[in-house]
Amino acid sequence: HVHTEYSLLDGSAKIKELVQRVKELGMDSIAITDHG
């Protein structure tokens, strides 16, 4: 359950930075679930 900068007024995570952070944390997968 993840909102990015494409969830207007709700998310602020930039996609490239989000993916990089996932990599740094040792996770191997992630979903994006932007609003509508």
PDB file of all heavy atoms in Angstrom:
ATOM      1  N   HIS A   1       0.872  -1.172   0.000  1.00  0.00           N
ATOM      2  CA  HIS A   1       0.000   0.000   0.000  1.00  0.00           C
ATOM      3  C   HIS A   1       0.911   1.225   0.000  1.00  0.00           C
ATOM      4  O   HIS A   1       1.340   1.700   1.053  1.00  0.00           O
ATOM      5  CB  HIS A   1      -0.892  -0.035   1.245  1.00  0.00           C
ATOM      6  CG  HIS A   1      -1.993   0.979   1.243  1.00  0.00           C
ATOM      7  ND1 HIS A   1      -3.277   0.693   1.649  1.00  0.00           N
ATOM      8  CD2 HIS A   1      -2.011   2.290   0.876  1.00  0.00           C
ATOM      9  CE1 HIS A   1      -4.033   1.763   1.536  1.00  0.00           C
ATOM     10  NE2 HIS A   1      -3.280   2.759   1.076  1.00  0.00           N
ATOM     11  N   VAL A   2       1.217   1.721  -1.194  1.00  0.00           N
ATOM     12  CA  VAL A   2       2.220   2.776  -1.340  1.00  0.00           C
ATOM     13  C   VAL A   2       1.722   3.859  -2.295  1.00  0.00           C
ATOM     14  O   VAL A   2       1.280   3.560  -3.402  1.00  0.00           O
ATOM     15  CB  VAL A   2       3.556   2.210  -1.884  1.00  0.00           C
ATOM     16  CG1 VAL A   2       4.601   3.317  -2.008  1.00  0.00           C
ATOM     17  CG2 VAL A   2       4.068   1.080  -1.010  1.00  0.00           C
ATOM     18  N   HIS A   3       1.813   5.108  -1.852  1.00  0.00           N
ATOM     19  CA  HIS A   3       1.424   6.241  -2.699  1.00  0.00           C
ATOM     20  C   HIS A   3       2.675   7.020  -3.106  1.00  0.00           C
ATOM     21  O   HIS A   3       3.524   7.328  -2.275  1.00  0.00           O
ATOM     22  CB  HIS A   3       0.461   7.164  -1.954  1.00  0.00           C
ATOM     23  CG  HIS A   3      -0.798   6.474  -1.534  1.00  0.00           C
ATOM     24  ND1 HIS A   3      -1.624   5.858  -2.426  1.00  0.00           N
ATOM     25  CD2 HIS A   3      -1.355   6.283  -0.314  1.00  0.00           C
ATOM     26  CE1 HIS A   3      -2.651   5.331  -1.792  1.00  0.00           C
ATOM     27  NE2 HIS A   3      -2.500   5.557  -0.494  1.00  0.00           N
ATOM     28  N   THR A   4       2.750   7.343  -4.372  1.00  0.00           N
ATOM     29  CA  THR A   4       3.888   8.104  -4.888  1.00  0.00           C
ATOM     30  C   THR A   4       3.459   9.545  -5.176  1.00  0.00           C
ATOM     31  O   THR A   4       2.361   9.968  -4.833  1.00  0.00           O
ATOM     32  CB  THR A   4       4.436   7.475  -6.180  1.00  0.00           C
ATOM     33  OG1 THR A   4       3.551   7.774  -7.275  1.00  0.00           O
ATOM     34  CG2 THR A   4       4.592   5.976  -6.032  1.00  0.00           C
ATOM     35  N   GLU A   5       4.345  10.262  -5.835  1.00  0.00           N
ATOM     36  CA  GLU A   5       4.048  11.650  -6.220  1.00  0.00           C
ATOM     37  C   GLU A   5       2.838  11.740  -7.158  1.00  0.00           C
ATOM     38  O   GLU A   5       2.300  12.827  -7.372  1.00  0.00           O
ATOM     39  CB  GLU A   5       5.274  12.250  -6.913  1.00  0.00           C
ATOM     40  CG  GLU A   5       5.704  11.466  -8.150  1.00  0.00           C
ATOM     41  CD  GLU A   5       7.058  11.903  -8.669  1.00  0.00           C
ATOM     42  OE1 GLU A   5       7.262  13.126  -8.832  1.00  0.00           O
ATOM     43  OE2 GLU A   5       7.911  11.030  -8.920  1.00  0.00           O
ATOM     44  N   TYR A   6       2.392  10.593  -7.688  1.00  0.00           N
ATOM     45  CA  TYR A   6       1.233  10.596  -8.580  1.00  0.00           C
ATOM     46  C   TYR A   6      -0.084  10.468  -7.820  1.00  0.00           C
ATOM     47  O   TYR A   6      -1.155  10.444  -8.444  1.00  0.00           O
ATOM     48  CB  TYR A   6       1.358   9.483  -9.613  1.00  0.00           C
ATOM     49  CG  TYR A   6       2.477   9.721 -10.601  1.00  0.00           C
ATOM     50  CD1 TYR A   6       3.691   9.033 -10.491  1.00  0.00           C
ATOM     51  CD2 TYR A   6       2.341  10.639 -11.625  1.00  0.00           C
ATOM     52  CE1 TYR A   6       4.730   9.267 -11.371  1.00  0.00           C
ATOM     53  CE2 TYR A   6       3.374  10.874 -12.522  1.00  0.00           C
ATOM     54  CZ  TYR A   6       4.566  10.190 -12.388  1.00  0.00           C
ATOM     55  OH  TYR A   6       5.589  10.413 -13.276  1.00  0.00           O
ATOM     56  N   SER A   7      -0.021  10.386  -6.497  1.00  0.00           N
ATOM     57  CA  SER A   7      -1.233  10.452  -5.673  1.00  0.00           C
ATOM     58  C   SER A   7      -1.378  11.896  -5.210  1.00  0.00           C
ATOM     59  O   SER A   7      -0.821  12.302  -4.194  1.00  0.00           O
ATOM     60  CB  SER A   7      -1.135   9.519  -4.464  1.00  0.00           C
ATOM     61  OG  SER A   7      -1.311   8.178  -4.844  1.00  0.00           O
ATOM     62  N   LEU A   8      -2.126  12.662  -5.962  1.00  0.00           N
ATOM     63  CA  LEU A   8      -2.226  14.102  -5.746  1.00  0.00           C
ATOM     64  C   LEU A   8      -2.669  14.422  -4.314  1.00  0.00           C
ATOM     65  O   LEU A   8      -3.665  13.893  -3.819  1.00  0.00           O
ATOM     66  CB  LEU A   8      -3.227  14.697  -6.743  1.00  0.00           C
ATOM     67  CG  LEU A   8      -3.054  16.169  -7.106  1.00  0.00           C
ATOM     68  CD1 LEU A   8      -1.655  16.419  -7.655  1.00  0.00           C
ATOM     69  CD2 LEU A   8      -4.105  16.594  -8.102  1.00  0.00           C
ATOM     70  N   LEU A   9      -1.907  15.264  -3.642  1.00  0.00           N
ATOM     71  CA  LEU A   9      -2.176  15.740  -2.287  1.00  0.00           C
ATOM     72  C   LEU A   9      -2.108  14.637  -1.225  1.00  0.00           C
ATOM     73  O   LEU A   9      -2.494  14.853  -0.082  1.00  0.00           O
ATOM     74  CB  LEU A   9      -3.551  16.436  -2.209  1.00  0.00           C
ATOM     75  CG  LEU A   9      -3.754  17.634  -3.140  1.00  0.00           C
ATOM     76  CD1 LEU A   9      -5.159  18.190  -2.963  1.00  0.00           C
ATOM     77  CD2 LEU A   9      -2.725  18.717  -2.860  1.00  0.00           C
ATOM     78  N   ASP A  10      -1.616  13.460  -1.600  1.00  0.00           N
ATOM     79  CA  ASP A  10      -1.550  12.368  -0.620  1.00  0.00           C
ATOM     80  C   ASP A  10      -0.167  11.731  -0.546  1.00  0.00           C
ATOM     81  O   ASP A  10       0.245  11.296   0.515  1.00  0.00           O
ATOM     82  CB  ASP A  10      -2.587  11.297  -0.968  1.00  0.00           C
ATOM     83  CG  ASP A  10      -2.761  10.290   0.162  1.00  0.00           C
ATOM     84  OD1 ASP A  10      -3.417  10.636   1.156  1.00  0.00           O
ATOM     85  OD2 ASP A  10      -2.228   9.181   0.048  1.00  0.00           O
ATOM     86  N   GLY A  11       0.535  11.652  -1.658  1.00  0.00           N
ATOM     87  CA  GLY A  11       1.856  11.029  -1.670  1.00  0.00           C
ATOM     88  C   GLY A  11       2.914  11.993  -2.173  1.00  0.00           C
ATOM     89  O   GLY A  11       2.620  12.925  -2.919  1.00  0.00           O
ATOM     90  N   SER A  12       4.156  11.768  -1.762  1.00  0.00           N
ATOM     91  CA  SER A  12       5.243  12.644  -2.214  1.00  0.00           C
ATOM     92  C   SER A  12       6.475  11.860  -2.654  1.00  0.00           C
ATOM     93  O   SER A  12       7.456  12.455  -3.094  1.00  0.00           O
ATOM     94  CB  SER A  12       5.634  13.630  -1.107  1.00  0.00           C
ATOM     95  OG  SER A  12       6.094  12.927   0.027  1.00  0.00           O
ATOM     96  N   ALA A  13       6.437  10.527  -2.530  1.00  0.00           N
ATOM     97  CA  ALA A  13       7.613   9.716  -2.852  1.00  0.00           C
ATOM     98  C   ALA A  13       7.882   9.723  -4.355  1.00  0.00           C
ATOM     99  O   ALA A  13       6.996   9.406  -5.150  1.00  0.00           O
ATOM    100  CB  ALA A  13       7.404   8.281  -2.374  1.00  0.00           C
ATOM    101  N   LYS A  14       9.086  10.102  -4.727  1.00  0.00           N
ATOM    102  CA  LYS A  14       9.479  10.042  -6.136  1.00  0.00           C
ATOM    103  C   LYS A  14       9.866   8.596  -6.460  1.00  0.00           C
ATOM    104  O   LYS A  14      10.544   7.941  -5.678  1.00  0.00           O
ATOM    105  CB  LYS A  14      10.632  11.004  -6.399  1.00  0.00           C
ATOM    106  CG  LYS A  14      10.232  12.469  -6.265  1.00  0.00           C
ATOM    107  CD  LYS A  14      11.421  13.380  -6.506  1.00  0.00           C
ATOM    108  CE  LYS A  14      10.979  14.831  -6.567  1.00  0.00           C
ATOM    109  NZ  LYS A  14      10.278  15.277  -5.346  1.00  0.00           N
ATOM    110  N   ILE A  15       9.454   8.130  -7.606  1.00  0.00           N
ATOM    111  CA  ILE A  15       9.567   6.708  -7.920  1.00  0.00           C
ATOM    112  C   ILE A  15      11.004   6.203  -7.893  1.00  0.00           C
ATOM    113  O   ILE A  15      11.293   5.169  -7.280  1.00  0.00           O
ATOM    114  CB  ILE A  15       8.890   6.412  -9.273  1.00  0.00           C
ATOM    115  CG1 ILE A  15       7.375   6.446  -9.082  1.00  0.00           C
ATOM    116  CG2 ILE A  15       9.334   5.059  -9.828  1.00  0.00           C
ATOM    117  CD1 ILE A  15       6.566   6.254 -10.328  1.00  0.00           C
ATOM    118  N   LYS A  16      11.924   6.885  -8.519  1.00  0.00           N
ATOM    119  CA  LYS A  16      13.311   6.417  -8.547  1.00  0.00           C
ATOM    120  C   LYS A  16      13.900   6.369  -7.137  1.00  0.00           C
ATOM    121  O   LYS A  16      14.634   5.436  -6.792  1.00  0.00           O
ATOM    122  CB  LYS A  16      14.147   7.295  -9.470  1.00  0.00           C
ATOM    123  CG  LYS A  16      13.834   7.094 -10.952  1.00  0.00           C
ATOM    124  CD  LYS A  16      14.770   7.886 -11.838  1.00  0.00           C
ATOM    125  CE  LYS A  16      14.462   7.628 -13.314  1.00  0.00           C
ATOM    126  NZ  LYS A  16      15.342   8.405 -14.217  1.00  0.00           N
ATOM    127  N   GLU A  17      13.588   7.383  -6.329  1.00  0.00           N
ATOM    128  CA  GLU A  17      14.092   7.404  -4.962  1.00  0.00           C
ATOM    129  C   GLU A  17      13.438   6.311  -4.111  1.00  0.00           C
ATOM    130  O   GLU A  17      14.086   5.698  -3.259  1.00  0.00           O
ATOM    131  CB  GLU A  17      13.834   8.778  -4.336  1.00  0.00           C
ATOM    132  CG  GLU A  17      14.626   9.892  -5.010  1.00  0.00           C
ATOM    133  CD  GLU A  17      14.287  11.261  -4.442  1.00  0.00           C
ATOM    134  OE1 GLU A  17      13.487  11.329  -3.481  1.00  0.00           O
ATOM    135  OE2 GLU A  17      14.808  12.252  -4.980  1.00  0.00           O
ATOM    136  N   LEU A  18      12.162   6.053  -4.363  1.00  0.00           N
ATOM    137  CA  LEU A  18      11.450   4.987  -3.658  1.00  0.00           C
ATOM    138  C   LEU A  18      12.083   3.634  -3.943  1.00  0.00           C
ATOM    139  O   LEU A  18      12.374   2.853  -3.028  1.00  0.00           O
ATOM    140  CB  LEU A  18       9.984   4.987  -4.087  1.00  0.00           C
ATOM    141  CG  LEU A  18       9.110   3.845  -3.560  1.00  0.00           C
ATOM    142  CD1 LEU A  18       8.922   3.962  -2.050  1.00  0.00           C
ATOM    143  CD2 LEU A  18       7.760   3.836  -4.269  1.00  0.00           C
ATOM    144  N   VAL A  19      12.318   3.358  -5.218  1.00  0.00           N
ATOM    145  CA  VAL A  19      12.908   2.080  -5.613  1.00  0.00           C
ATOM    146  C   VAL A  19      14.307   1.925  -5.030  1.00  0.00           C
ATOM    147  O   VAL A  19      14.684   0.847  -4.548  1.00  0.00           O
ATOM    148  CB  VAL A  19      12.936   1.955  -7.154  1.00  0.00           C
ATOM    149  CG1 VAL A  19      13.780   0.759  -7.589  1.00  0.00           C
ATOM    150  CG2 VAL A  19      11.518   1.840  -7.701  1.00  0.00           C
ATOM    151  N   GLN A  20      15.072   3.012  -5.043  1.00  0.00           N
ATOM    152  CA  GLN A  20      16.427   2.959  -4.494  1.00  0.00           C
ATOM    153  C   GLN A  20      16.408   2.668  -3.004  1.00  0.00           C
ATOM    154  O   GLN A  20      17.221   1.901  -2.486  1.00  0.00           O
ATOM    155  CB  GLN A  20      17.151   4.291  -4.750  1.00  0.00           C
ATOM    156  CG  GLN A  20      18.608   4.308  -4.304  1.00  0.00           C
ATOM    157  CD  GLN A  20      19.445   3.210  -4.947  1.00  0.00           C
ATOM    158  OE1 GLN A  20      19.303   2.940  -6.139  1.00  0.00           O
ATOM    159  NE2 GLN A  20      20.301   2.566  -4.168  1.00  0.00           N
ATOM    160  N   ARG A  21      15.440   3.256  -2.293  1.00  0.00           N
ATOM    161  CA  ARG A  21      15.333   3.024  -0.850  1.00  0.00           C
ATOM    162  C   ARG A  21      14.947   1.576  -0.556  1.00  0.00           C
ATOM    163  O   ARG A  21      15.460   0.965   0.398  1.00  0.00           O
ATOM    164  CB  ARG A  21      14.295   3.978  -0.249  1.00  0.00           C
ATOM    165  CG  ARG A  21      14.153   3.862   1.259  1.00  0.00           C
ATOM    166  CD  ARG A  21      15.473   4.120   1.957  1.00  0.00           C
ATOM    167  NE  ARG A  21      15.311   4.103   3.412  1.00  0.00           N
ATOM    168  CZ  ARG A  21      16.302   3.889   4.265  1.00  0.00           C
ATOM    169  NH1 ARG A  21      17.539   3.686   3.816  1.00  0.00           N
ATOM    170  NH2 ARG A  21      16.082   3.890   5.564  1.00  0.00           N
ATOM    171  N   VAL A  22      14.054   1.028  -1.370  1.00  0.00           N
ATOM    172  CA  VAL A  22      13.671  -0.377  -1.247  1.00  0.00           C
ATOM    173  C   VAL A  22      14.901  -1.270  -1.394  1.00  0.00           C
ATOM    174  O   VAL A  22      15.105  -2.220  -0.633  1.00  0.00           O
ATOM    175  CB  VAL A  22      12.603  -0.747  -2.304  1.00  0.00           C
ATOM    176  CG1 VAL A  22      12.387  -2.251  -2.367  1.00  0.00           C
ATOM    177  CG2 VAL A  22      11.290  -0.055  -1.987  1.00  0.00           C
ATOM    178  N   LYS A  23      15.735  -0.929  -2.370  1.00  0.00           N
ATOM    179  CA  LYS A  23      16.974  -1.682  -2.613  1.00  0.00           C
ATOM    180  C   LYS A  23      17.906  -1.588  -1.404  1.00  0.00           C
ATOM    181  O   LYS A  23      18.470  -2.590  -0.959  1.00  0.00           O
ATOM    182  CB  LYS A  23      17.668  -1.120  -3.856  1.00  0.00           C
ATOM    183  CG  LYS A  23      18.881  -1.887  -4.321  1.00  0.00           C
ATOM    184  CD  LYS A  23      18.490  -3.126  -5.075  1.00  0.00           C
ATOM    185  CE  LYS A  23      19.715  -3.772  -5.713  1.00  0.00           C
ATOM    186  NZ  LYS A  23      19.357  -5.027  -6.417  1.00  0.00           N
ATOM    187  N   GLU A  24      18.046  -0.384  -0.855  1.00  0.00           N
ATOM    188  CA  GLU A  24      18.930  -0.173   0.289  1.00  0.00           C
ATOM    189  C   GLU A  24      18.468  -0.974   1.511  1.00  0.00           C
ATOM    190  O   GLU A  24      19.293  -1.438   2.300  1.00  0.00           O
ATOM    191  CB  GLU A  24      18.963   1.320   0.647  1.00  0.00           C
ATOM    192  CG  GLU A  24      19.690   2.179  -0.373  1.00  0.00           C
ATOM    193  CD  GLU A  24      19.508   3.663  -0.092  1.00  0.00           C
ATOM    194  OE1 GLU A  24      18.794   4.006   0.894  1.00  0.00           O
ATOM    195  OE2 GLU A  24      20.065   4.477  -0.842  1.00  0.00           O
ATOM    196  N   LEU A  25      17.166  -1.135   1.653  1.00  0.00           N
ATOM    197  CA  LEU A  25      16.611  -1.849   2.802  1.00  0.00           C
ATOM    198  C   LEU A  25      16.623  -3.361   2.624  1.00  0.00           C
ATOM    199  O   LEU A  25      16.190  -4.106   3.509  1.00  0.00           O
ATOM    200  CB  LEU A  25      15.177  -1.368   3.070  1.00  0.00           C
ATOM    201  CG  LEU A  25      15.048   0.075   3.569  1.00  0.00           C
ATOM    202  CD1 LEU A  25      13.586   0.497   3.614  1.00  0.00           C
ATOM    203  CD2 LEU A  25      15.694   0.235   4.945  1.00  0.00           C
ATOM    204  N   GLY A  26      17.101  -3.817   1.473  1.00  0.00           N
ATOM    205  CA  GLY A  26      17.205  -5.247   1.240  1.00  0.00           C
ATOM    206  C   GLY A  26      15.905  -5.915   0.840  1.00  0.00           C
ATOM    207  O   GLY A  26      15.798  -7.148   0.893  1.00  0.00           O
ATOM    208  N   MET A  27      14.917  -5.137   0.463  1.00  0.00           N
ATOM    209  CA  MET A  27      13.655  -5.710  -0.004  1.00  0.00           C
ATOM    210  C   MET A  27      13.781  -6.080  -1.478  1.00  0.00           C
ATOM    211  O   MET A  27      14.533  -5.445  -2.221  1.00  0.00           O
ATOM    212  CB  MET A  27      12.510  -4.713   0.203  1.00  0.00           C
ATOM    213  CG  MET A  27      12.286  -4.319   1.646  1.00  0.00           C
ATOM    214  SD  MET A  27      10.964  -3.097   1.809  1.00  0.00           S
ATOM    215  CE  MET A  27      11.002  -2.805   3.582  1.00  0.00           C
ATOM    216  N   ASP A  28      13.035  -7.095  -1.895  1.00  0.00           N
ATOM    217  CA  ASP A  28      13.163  -7.524  -3.291  1.00  0.00           C
ATOM    218  C   ASP A  28      11.929  -7.227  -4.131  1.00  0.00           C
ATOM    219  O   ASP A  28      11.881  -7.562  -5.302  1.00  0.00           O
ATOM    220  CB  ASP A  28      13.496  -9.020  -3.366  1.00  0.00           C
ATOM    221  CG  ASP A  28      12.424  -9.892  -2.730  1.00  0.00           C
ATOM    222  OD1 ASP A  28      11.360  -9.366  -2.339  1.00  0.00           O
ATOM    223  OD2 ASP A  28      12.663 -11.110  -2.596  1.00  0.00           O
ATOM    224  N   SER A  29      10.912  -6.574  -3.529  1.00  0.00           N
ATOM    225  CA  SER A  29       9.702  -6.246  -4.283  1.00  0.00           C
ATOM    226  C   SER A  29       8.948  -5.128  -3.581  1.00  0.00           C
ATOM    227  O   SER A  29       9.121  -4.903  -2.384  1.00  0.00           O
ATOM    228  CB  SER A  29       8.805  -7.477  -4.425  1.00  0.00           C
ATOM    229  OG  SER A  29       8.459  -7.993  -3.154  1.00  0.00           O
ATOM    230  N   ILE A  30       8.100  -4.432  -4.340  1.00  0.00           N
ATOM    231  CA  ILE A  30       7.260  -3.382  -3.778  1.00  0.00           C
ATOM    232  C   ILE A  30       6.122  -3.098  -4.748  1.00  0.00           C
ATOM    233  O   ILE A  30       6.261  -3.289  -5.968  1.00  0.00           O
ATOM    234  CB  ILE A  30       8.066  -2.087  -3.507  1.00  0.00           C
ATOM    235  CG1 ILE A  30       7.214  -1.088  -2.696  1.00  0.00           C
ATOM    236  CG2 ILE A  30       8.569  -1.463  -4.796  1.00  0.00           C
ATOM    237  CD1 ILE A  30       7.971   0.118  -2.194  1.00  0.00           C
ATOM    238  N   ALA A  31       4.995  -2.672  -4.189  1.00  0.00           N
ATOM    239  CA  ALA A  31       3.858  -2.276  -5.009  1.00  0.00           C
ATOM    240  C   ALA A  31       3.707  -0.759  -4.971  1.00  0.00           C
ATOM    241  O   ALA A  31       4.167  -0.100  -4.029  1.00  0.00           O
ATOM    242  CB  ALA A  31       2.572  -2.912  -4.476  1.00  0.00           C
ATOM    243  N   ILE A  32       3.089  -0.196  -6.004  1.00  0.00           N
ATOM    244  CA  ILE A  32       2.593   1.176  -5.898  1.00  0.00           C
ATOM    245  C   ILE A  32       1.088   1.128  -6.113  1.00  0.00           C
ATOM    246  O   ILE A  32       0.588   0.409  -6.985  1.00  0.00           O
ATOM    247  CB  ILE A  32       3.274   2.170  -6.865  1.00  0.00           C
ATOM    248  CG1 ILE A  32       3.070   1.798  -8.331  1.00  0.00           C
ATOM    249  CG2 ILE A  32       4.735   2.328  -6.531  1.00  0.00           C
ATOM    250  CD1 ILE A  32       3.457   2.927  -9.274  1.00  0.00           C
ATOM    251  N   THR A  33       0.380   1.887  -5.285  1.00  0.00           N
ATOM    252  CA  THR A  33      -1.092   1.876  -5.322  1.00  0.00           C
ATOM    253  C   THR A  33      -1.592   3.315  -5.248  1.00  0.00           C
ATOM    254  O   THR A  33      -2.207   3.721  -4.254  1.00  0.00           O
ATOM    255  CB  THR A  33      -1.655   1.053  -4.147  1.00  0.00           C
ATOM    256  OG1 THR A  33      -1.137   1.567  -2.908  1.00  0.00           O
ATOM    257  CG2 THR A  33      -1.282  -0.409  -4.271  1.00  0.00           C
ATOM    258  N   ASP A  34      -1.299   4.068  -6.277  1.00  0.00           N
ATOM    259  CA  ASP A  34      -1.702   5.472  -6.275  1.00  0.00           C
ATOM    260  C   ASP A  34      -3.216   5.607  -6.315  1.00  0.00           C
ATOM    261  O   ASP A  34      -3.930   4.739  -6.815  1.00  0.00           O
ATOM    262  CB  ASP A  34      -1.050   6.216  -7.443  1.00  0.00           C
ATOM    263  CG  ASP A  34       0.416   6.498  -7.184  1.00  0.00           C
ATOM    264  OD1 ASP A  34       0.725   6.965  -6.078  1.00  0.00           O
ATOM    265  OD2 ASP A  34       1.248   6.249  -8.069  1.00  0.00           O
ATOM    266  N   HIS A  35      -3.704   6.725  -5.829  1.00  0.00           N
ATOM    267  CA  HIS A  35      -5.141   6.960  -5.709  1.00  0.00           C
ATOM    268  C   HIS A  35      -5.807   7.150  -7.071  1.00  0.00           C
ATOM    269  O   HIS A  35      -5.561   8.135  -7.766  1.00  0.00           O
ATOM    270  CB  HIS A  35      -5.401   8.200  -4.847  1.00  0.00           C
ATOM    271  CG  HIS A  35      -5.381   7.925  -3.387  1.00  0.00           C
ATOM    272  ND1 HIS A  35      -6.278   7.077  -2.772  1.00  0.00           N
ATOM    273  CD2 HIS A  35      -4.583   8.391  -2.397  1.00  0.00           C
ATOM    274  CE1 HIS A  35      -6.039   7.034  -1.476  1.00  0.00           C
ATOM    275  NE2 HIS A  35      -5.009   7.808  -1.219  1.00  0.00           N
ATOM    276  N   GLY A  36      -6.640   6.192  -7.454  1.00  0.00           N
ATOM    277  CA  GLY A  36      -7.506   6.348  -8.614  1.00  0.00           C
ATOM    278  C   GLY A  36      -6.817   6.411  -9.950  1.00  0.00           C
ATOM    279  O   GLY A  36      -7.479   6.588 -10.986  1.00  0.00           O
TER     280      GLY A  36
END
